[in-house]
Amino acid sequence: MGSRKDKPIEQPNPFIAAIALWQNAFKSWMDAYNEYIAVYSKMTEHWLNLYSGSLFKERKKNNNNS
């Protein structure tokens, strides 16, 4: 019969598991942040277009009345 020394028992390393957990969490956070920035940029562009459009109409109205 073989002794225990013949077959090393592989035990999971908790540090490697923790690193994988943090990598997954960081990747998920980066994906969420990138999506937030994309949506925020589109929202800002929308509001700027609305605001600049109303300014253009206001200037045109004032120039016609002068």
PDB file of N, CA and C in Angstrom:
ATOM      1  N   MET A   1       0.840  -1.181   0.000  1.00  0.00           N
ATOM      2  CA  MET A   1       0.000   0.000   0.000  1.00  0.00           C
ATOM      3  C   MET A   1       0.883   1.242   0.000  1.00  0.00           C
ATOM      4  N   GLY A   2       0.399   2.267  -0.686  1.00  0.00           N
ATOM      5  CA  GLY A   2       1.155   3.500  -0.737  1.00  0.00           C
ATOM      6  C   GLY A   2       0.897   4.361   0.483  1.00  0.00           C
ATOM      7  N   SER A   3       1.871   5.127   0.825  1.00  0.00           N
ATOM      8  CA  SER A   3       1.707   6.043   1.958  1.00  0.00           C
ATOM      9  C   SER A   3       1.111   7.360   1.461  1.00  0.00           C
ATOM     10  N   ARG A   4       0.791   8.233   2.374  1.00  0.00           N
ATOM     11  CA  ARG A   4       0.215   9.535   2.039  1.00  0.00           C
ATOM     12  C   ARG A   4       1.215  10.393   1.276  1.00  0.00           C
ATOM     13  N   LYS A   5       2.482  10.146   1.467  1.00  0.00           N
ATOM     14  CA  LYS A   5       3.504  10.945   0.793  1.00  0.00           C
ATOM     15  C   LYS A   5       3.532  10.676  -0.707  1.00  0.00           C
ATOM     16  N   ASP A   6       3.016   9.546  -1.137  1.00  0.00           N
ATOM     17  CA  ASP A   6       3.005   9.214  -2.558  1.00  0.00           C
ATOM     18  C   ASP A   6       2.047  10.107  -3.346  1.00  0.00           C
ATOM     19  N   LYS A   7       0.926  10.447  -2.758  1.00  0.00           N
ATOM     20  CA  LYS A   7      -0.083  11.246  -3.439  1.00  0.00           C
ATOM     21  C   LYS A   7      -0.272  12.557  -2.663  1.00  0.00           C
ATOM     22  N   PRO A   8       0.258  13.647  -3.177  1.00  0.00           N
ATOM     23  CA  PRO A   8       0.048  14.917  -2.478  1.00  0.00           C
ATOM     24  C   PRO A   8      -1.418  15.345  -2.583  1.00  0.00           C
ATOM     25  N   ILE A   9      -1.934  15.811  -1.517  1.00  0.00           N
ATOM     26  CA  ILE A   9      -3.318  16.281  -1.480  1.00  0.00           C
ATOM     27  C   ILE A   9      -3.322  17.750  -1.901  1.00  0.00           C
ATOM     28  N   GLU A  10      -4.081  18.029  -2.949  1.00  0.00           N
ATOM     29  CA  GLU A  10      -4.171  19.408  -3.412  1.00  0.00           C
ATOM     30  C   GLU A  10      -5.278  20.120  -2.652  1.00  0.00           C
ATOM     31  N   GLN A  11      -4.898  21.152  -1.952  1.00  0.00           N
ATOM     32  CA  GLN A  11      -5.870  21.952  -1.223  1.00  0.00           C
ATOM     33  C   GLN A  11      -6.005  23.295  -1.928  1.00  0.00           C
ATOM     34  N   PRO A  12      -7.215  23.792  -2.034  1.00  0.00           N
ATOM     35  CA  PRO A  12      -7.391  25.081  -2.705  1.00  0.00           C
ATOM     36  C   PRO A  12      -6.718  26.204  -1.911  1.00  0.00           C
ATOM     37  N   ASN A  13      -6.072  27.084  -2.633  1.00  0.00           N
ATOM     38  CA  ASN A  13      -5.397  28.210  -2.001  1.00  0.00           C
ATOM     39  C   ASN A  13      -6.410  29.347  -1.818  1.00  0.00           C
ATOM     40  N   PRO A  14      -6.667  29.766  -0.578  1.00  0.00           N
ATOM     41  CA  PRO A  14      -7.677  30.810  -0.361  1.00  0.00           C
ATOM     42  C   PRO A  14      -7.265  32.158  -0.954  1.00  0.00           C
ATOM     43  N   PHE A  15      -5.969  32.403  -1.085  1.00  0.00           N
ATOM     44  CA  PHE A  15      -5.525  33.674  -1.654  1.00  0.00           C
ATOM     45  C   PHE A  15      -5.820  33.758  -3.142  1.00  0.00           C
ATOM     46  N   ILE A  16      -5.663  32.650  -3.843  1.00  0.00           N
ATOM     47  CA  ILE A  16      -5.981  32.634  -5.272  1.00  0.00           C
ATOM     48  C   ILE A  16      -7.483  32.801  -5.471  1.00  0.00           C
ATOM     49  N   ALA A  17      -8.267  32.177  -4.627  1.00  0.00           N
ATOM     50  CA  ALA A  17      -9.723  32.335  -4.720  1.00  0.00           C
ATOM     51  C   ALA A  17     -10.124  33.786  -4.444  1.00  0.00           C
ATOM     52  N   ALA A  18      -9.473  34.419  -3.482  1.00  0.00           N
ATOM     53  CA  ALA A  18      -9.785  35.811  -3.152  1.00  0.00           C
ATOM     54  C   ALA A  18      -9.385  36.735  -4.299  1.00  0.00           C
ATOM     55  N   ILE A  19      -8.247  36.462  -4.928  1.00  0.00           N
ATOM     56  CA  ILE A  19      -7.811  37.283  -6.056  1.00  0.00           C
ATOM     57  C   ILE A  19      -8.820  37.177  -7.202  1.00  0.00           C
ATOM     58  N   ALA A  20      -9.271  35.981  -7.492  1.00  0.00           N
ATOM     59  CA  ALA A  20     -10.259  35.796  -8.557  1.00  0.00           C
ATOM     60  C   ALA A  20     -11.556  36.535  -8.225  1.00  0.00           C
ATOM     61  N   LEU A  21     -11.953  36.508  -6.977  1.00  0.00           N
ATOM     62  CA  LEU A  21     -13.159  37.217  -6.551  1.00  0.00           C
ATOM     63  C   LEU A  21     -12.999  38.718  -6.768  1.00  0.00           C
ATOM     64  N   TRP A  22     -11.872  39.285  -6.351  1.00  0.00           N
ATOM     65  CA  TRP A  22     -11.629  40.715  -6.518  1.00  0.00           C
ATOM     66  C   TRP A  22     -11.512  41.091  -7.994  1.00  0.00           C
ATOM     67  N   GLN A  23     -10.904  40.240  -8.800  1.00  0.00           N
ATOM     68  CA  GLN A  23     -10.811  40.526 -10.234  1.00  0.00           C
ATOM     69  C   GLN A  23     -12.194  40.569 -10.866  1.00  0.00           C
ATOM     70  N   ASN A  24     -13.047  39.639 -10.508  1.00  0.00           N
ATOM     71  CA  ASN A  24     -14.414  39.633 -11.044  1.00  0.00           C
ATOM     72  C   ASN A  24     -15.195  40.851 -10.573  1.00  0.00           C
ATOM     73  N   ALA A  25     -15.035  41.206  -9.309  1.00  0.00           N
ATOM     74  CA  ALA A  25     -15.736  42.377  -8.782  1.00  0.00           C
ATOM     75  C   ALA A  25     -15.256  43.650  -9.471  1.00  0.00           C
ATOM     76  N   PHE A  26     -13.949  43.777  -9.653  1.00  0.00           N
ATOM     77  CA  PHE A  26     -13.398  44.967 -10.300  1.00  0.00           C
ATOM     78  C   PHE A  26     -13.845  45.058 -11.756  1.00  0.00           C
ATOM     79  N   LYS A  27     -13.852  43.926 -12.465  1.00  0.00           N
ATOM     80  CA  LYS A  27     -14.299  43.925 -13.853  1.00  0.00           C
ATOM     81  C   LYS A  27     -15.777  44.319 -13.951  1.00  0.00           C
ATOM     82  N   SER A  28     -16.585  43.815 -13.046  1.00  0.00           N
ATOM     83  CA  SER A  28     -18.005  44.169 -13.050  1.00  0.00           C
ATOM     84  C   SER A  28     -18.189  45.655 -12.763  1.00  0.00           C
ATOM     85  N   TRP A  29     -17.407  46.191 -11.821  1.00  0.00           N
ATOM     86  CA  TRP A  29     -17.498  47.610 -11.490  1.00  0.00           C
ATOM     87  C   TRP A  29     -17.077  48.455 -12.690  1.00  0.00           C
ATOM     88  N   MET A  30     -16.023  48.068 -13.377  1.00  0.00           N
ATOM     89  CA  MET A  30     -15.563  48.819 -14.542  1.00  0.00           C
ATOM     90  C   MET A  30     -16.602  48.781 -15.658  1.00  0.00           C
ATOM     91  N   ASP A  31     -17.235  47.641 -15.873  1.00  0.00           N
ATOM     92  CA  ASP A  31     -18.281  47.542 -16.889  1.00  0.00           C
ATOM     93  C   ASP A  31     -19.459  48.454 -16.545  1.00  0.00           C
ATOM     94  N   ALA A  32     -19.861  48.451 -15.288  1.00  0.00           N
ATOM     95  CA  ALA A  32     -20.968  49.303 -14.852  1.00  0.00           C
ATOM     96  C   ALA A  32     -20.605  50.777 -14.974  1.00  0.00           C
ATOM     97  N   TYR A  33     -19.380  51.133 -14.612  1.00  0.00           N
ATOM     98  CA  TYR A  33     -18.936  52.521 -14.695  1.00  0.00           C
ATOM     99  C   TYR A  33     -18.895  52.986 -16.149  1.00  0.00           C
ATOM    100  N   ASN A  34     -18.383  52.157 -17.039  1.00  0.00           N
ATOM    101  CA  ASN A  34     -18.342  52.519 -18.459  1.00  0.00           C
ATOM    102  C   ASN A  34     -19.742  52.718 -19.018  1.00  0.00           C
ATOM    103  N   GLU A  35     -20.667  51.876 -18.614  1.00  0.00           N
ATOM    104  CA  GLU A  35     -22.056  52.031 -19.065  1.00  0.00           C
ATOM    105  C   GLU A  35     -22.659  53.325 -18.520  1.00  0.00           C
ATOM    106  N   TYR A  36     -22.374  53.634 -17.267  1.00  0.00           N
ATOM    107  CA  TYR A  36     -22.862  54.875 -16.656  1.00  0.00           C
ATOM    108  C   TYR A  36     -22.333  56.092 -17.401  1.00  0.00           C
ATOM    109  N   ILE A  37     -21.046  56.084 -17.735  1.00  0.00           N
ATOM    110  CA  ILE A  37     -20.450  57.215 -18.446  1.00  0.00           C
ATOM    111  C   ILE A  37     -21.078  57.375 -19.827  1.00  0.00           C
ATOM    112  N   ALA A  38     -21.329  56.279 -20.508  1.00  0.00           N
ATOM    113  CA  ALA A  38     -21.951  56.354 -21.831  1.00  0.00           C
ATOM    114  C   ALA A  38     -23.360  56.947 -21.746  1.00  0.00           C
ATOM    115  N   VAL A  39     -24.141  56.499 -20.788  1.00  0.00           N
ATOM    116  CA  VAL A  39     -25.511  57.006 -20.624  1.00  0.00           C
ATOM    117  C   VAL A  39     -25.486  58.468 -20.182  1.00  0.00           C
ATOM    118  N   TYR A  40     -24.571  58.812 -19.279  1.00  0.00           N
ATOM    119  CA  TYR A  40     -24.461  60.189 -18.800  1.00  0.00           C
ATOM    120  C   TYR A  40     -24.081  61.125 -19.939  1.00  0.00           C
ATOM    121  N   SER A  41     -23.189  60.693 -20.811  1.00  0.00           N
ATOM    122  CA  SER A  41     -22.786  61.514 -21.953  1.00  0.00           C
ATOM    123  C   SER A  41     -23.957  61.756 -22.896  1.00  0.00           C
ATOM    124  N   LYS A  42     -24.726  60.704 -23.160  1.00  0.00           N
ATOM    125  CA  LYS A  42     -25.887  60.857 -24.048  1.00  0.00           C
ATOM    126  C   LYS A  42     -26.924  61.788 -23.420  1.00  0.00           C
ATOM    127  N   MET A  43     -27.133  61.665 -22.112  1.00  0.00           N
ATOM    128  CA  MET A  43     -28.101  62.519 -21.431  1.00  0.00           C
ATOM    129  C   MET A  43     -27.643  63.976 -21.469  1.00  0.00           C
ATOM    130  N   THR A  44     -26.356  64.210 -21.242  1.00  0.00           N
ATOM    131  CA  THR A  44     -25.827  65.573 -21.284  1.00  0.00           C
ATOM    132  C   THR A  44     -25.966  66.154 -22.680  1.00  0.00           C
ATOM    133  N   GLU A  45     -25.656  65.368 -23.693  1.00  0.00           N
ATOM    134  CA  GLU A  45     -25.794  65.831 -25.066  1.00  0.00           C
ATOM    135  C   GLU A  45     -27.244  66.185 -25.374  1.00  0.00           C
ATOM    136  N   HIS A  46     -28.165  65.375 -24.899  1.00  0.00           N
ATOM    137  CA  HIS A  46     -29.588  65.637 -25.119  1.00  0.00           C
ATOM    138  C   HIS A  46     -29.995  66.968 -24.492  1.00  0.00           C
ATOM    139  N   TRP A  47     -29.609  67.196 -23.243  1.00  0.00           N
ATOM    140  CA  TRP A  47     -29.987  68.432 -22.561  1.00  0.00           C
ATOM    141  C   TRP A  47     -29.307  69.643 -23.189  1.00  0.00           C
ATOM    142  N   LEU A  48     -28.068  69.497 -23.622  1.00  0.00           N
ATOM    143  CA  LEU A  48     -27.393  70.614 -24.284  1.00  0.00           C
ATOM    144  C   LEU A  48     -28.066  70.944 -25.609  1.00  0.00           C
ATOM    145  N   ASN A  49     -28.494  69.936 -26.340  1.00  0.00           N
ATOM    146  CA  ASN A  49     -29.206  70.183 -27.590  1.00  0.00           C
ATOM    147  C   ASN A  49     -30.532  70.887 -27.336  1.00  0.00           C
ATOM    148  N   LEU A  50     -31.232  70.484 -26.296  1.00  0.00           N
ATOM    149  CA  LEU A  50     -32.496  71.155 -25.958  1.00  0.00           C
ATOM    150  C   LEU A  50     -32.262  72.604 -25.573  1.00  0.00           C
ATOM    151  N   TYR A  51     -31.248  72.834 -24.752  1.00  0.00           N
ATOM    152  CA  TYR A  51     -30.964  74.178 -24.262  1.00  0.00           C
ATOM    153  C   TYR A  51     -30.472  75.072 -25.390  1.00  0.00           C
ATOM    154  N   SER A  52     -29.543  74.564 -26.205  1.00  0.00           N
ATOM    155  CA  SER A  52     -29.008  75.390 -27.293  1.00  0.00           C
ATOM    156  C   SER A  52     -30.080  75.648 -28.342  1.00  0.00           C
ATOM    157  N   GLY A  53     -30.980  74.706 -28.548  1.00  0.00           N
ATOM    158  CA  GLY A  53     -32.079  74.918 -29.483  1.00  0.00           C
ATOM    159  C   GLY A  53     -33.009  76.022 -29.009  1.00  0.00           C
ATOM    160  N   SER A  54     -33.288  76.074 -27.722  1.00  0.00           N
ATOM    161  CA  SER A  54     -34.165  77.117 -27.195  1.00  0.00           C
ATOM    162  C   SER A  54     -33.458  78.469 -27.232  1.00  0.00           C
ATOM    163  N   LEU A  55     -32.141  78.495 -27.042  1.00  0.00           N
ATOM    164  CA  LEU A  55     -31.397  79.751 -27.133  1.00  0.00           C
ATOM    165  C   LEU A  55     -31.409  80.273 -28.560  1.00  0.00           C
ATOM    166  N   PHE A  56     -31.249  79.355 -29.530  1.00  0.00           N
ATOM    167  CA  PHE A  56     -31.256  79.765 -30.930  1.00  0.00           C
ATOM    168  C   PHE A  56     -32.611  80.358 -31.308  1.00  0.00           C
ATOM    169  N   LYS A  57     -33.686  79.726 -30.864  1.00  0.00           N
ATOM    170  CA  LYS A  57     -35.029  80.241 -31.153  1.00  0.00           C
ATOM    171  C   LYS A  57     -35.238  81.596 -30.495  1.00  0.00           C
ATOM    172  N   GLU A  58     -34.735  81.757 -29.274  1.00  0.00           N
ATOM    173  CA  GLU A  58     -34.877  83.032 -28.556  1.00  0.00           C
ATOM    174  C   GLU A  58     -34.111  84.135 -29.282  1.00  0.00           C
ATOM    175  N   ARG A  59     -32.909  83.873 -29.737  1.00  0.00           N
ATOM    176  CA  ARG A  59     -32.117  84.872 -30.467  1.00  0.00           C
ATOM    177  C   ARG A  59     -32.789  85.238 -31.788  1.00  0.00           C
ATOM    178  N   LYS A  60     -33.296  84.241 -32.477  1.00  0.00           N
ATOM    179  CA  LYS A  60     -33.951  84.483 -33.764  1.00  0.00           C
ATOM    180  C   LYS A  60     -35.201  85.348 -33.550  1.00  0.00           C
ATOM    181  N   LYS A  61     -35.937  85.065 -32.479  1.00  0.00           N
ATOM    182  CA  LYS A  61     -37.143  85.841 -32.172  1.00  0.00           C
ATOM    183  C   LYS A  61     -36.776  87.282 -31.846  1.00  0.00           C
ATOM    184  N   ASN A  62     -35.714  87.488 -31.057  1.00  0.00           N
ATOM    185  CA  ASN A  62     -35.282  88.832 -30.698  1.00  0.00           C
ATOM    186  C   ASN A  62     -34.767  89.599 -31.909  1.00  0.00           C
ATOM    187  N   ASN A  63     -34.076  88.927 -32.826  1.00  0.00           N
ATOM    188  CA  ASN A  63     -33.564  89.599 -34.022  1.00  0.00           C
ATOM    189  C   ASN A  63     -34.701  90.007 -34.965  1.00  0.00           C
ATOM    190  N   ASN A  64     -35.753  89.217 -35.043  1.00  0.00           N
ATOM    191  CA  ASN A  64     -36.890  89.540 -35.894  1.00  0.00           C
ATOM    192  C   ASN A  64     -37.683  90.723 -35.323  1.00  0.00           C
ATOM    193  N   ASN A  65     -37.742  90.880 -34.017  1.00  0.00           N
ATOM    194  CA  ASN A  65     -38.489  91.949 -33.375  1.00  0.00           C
ATOM    195  C   ASN A  65     -37.719  93.269 -33.429  1.00  0.00           C
ATOM    196  N   SER A  66     -36.423  93.249 -33.635  1.00  0.00           N
ATOM    197  CA  SER A  66     -35.616  94.469 -33.629  1.00  0.00           C
ATOM    198  C   SER A  66     -35.752  95.262 -34.880  1.00  0.00           C
TER     199      SER A  66
END
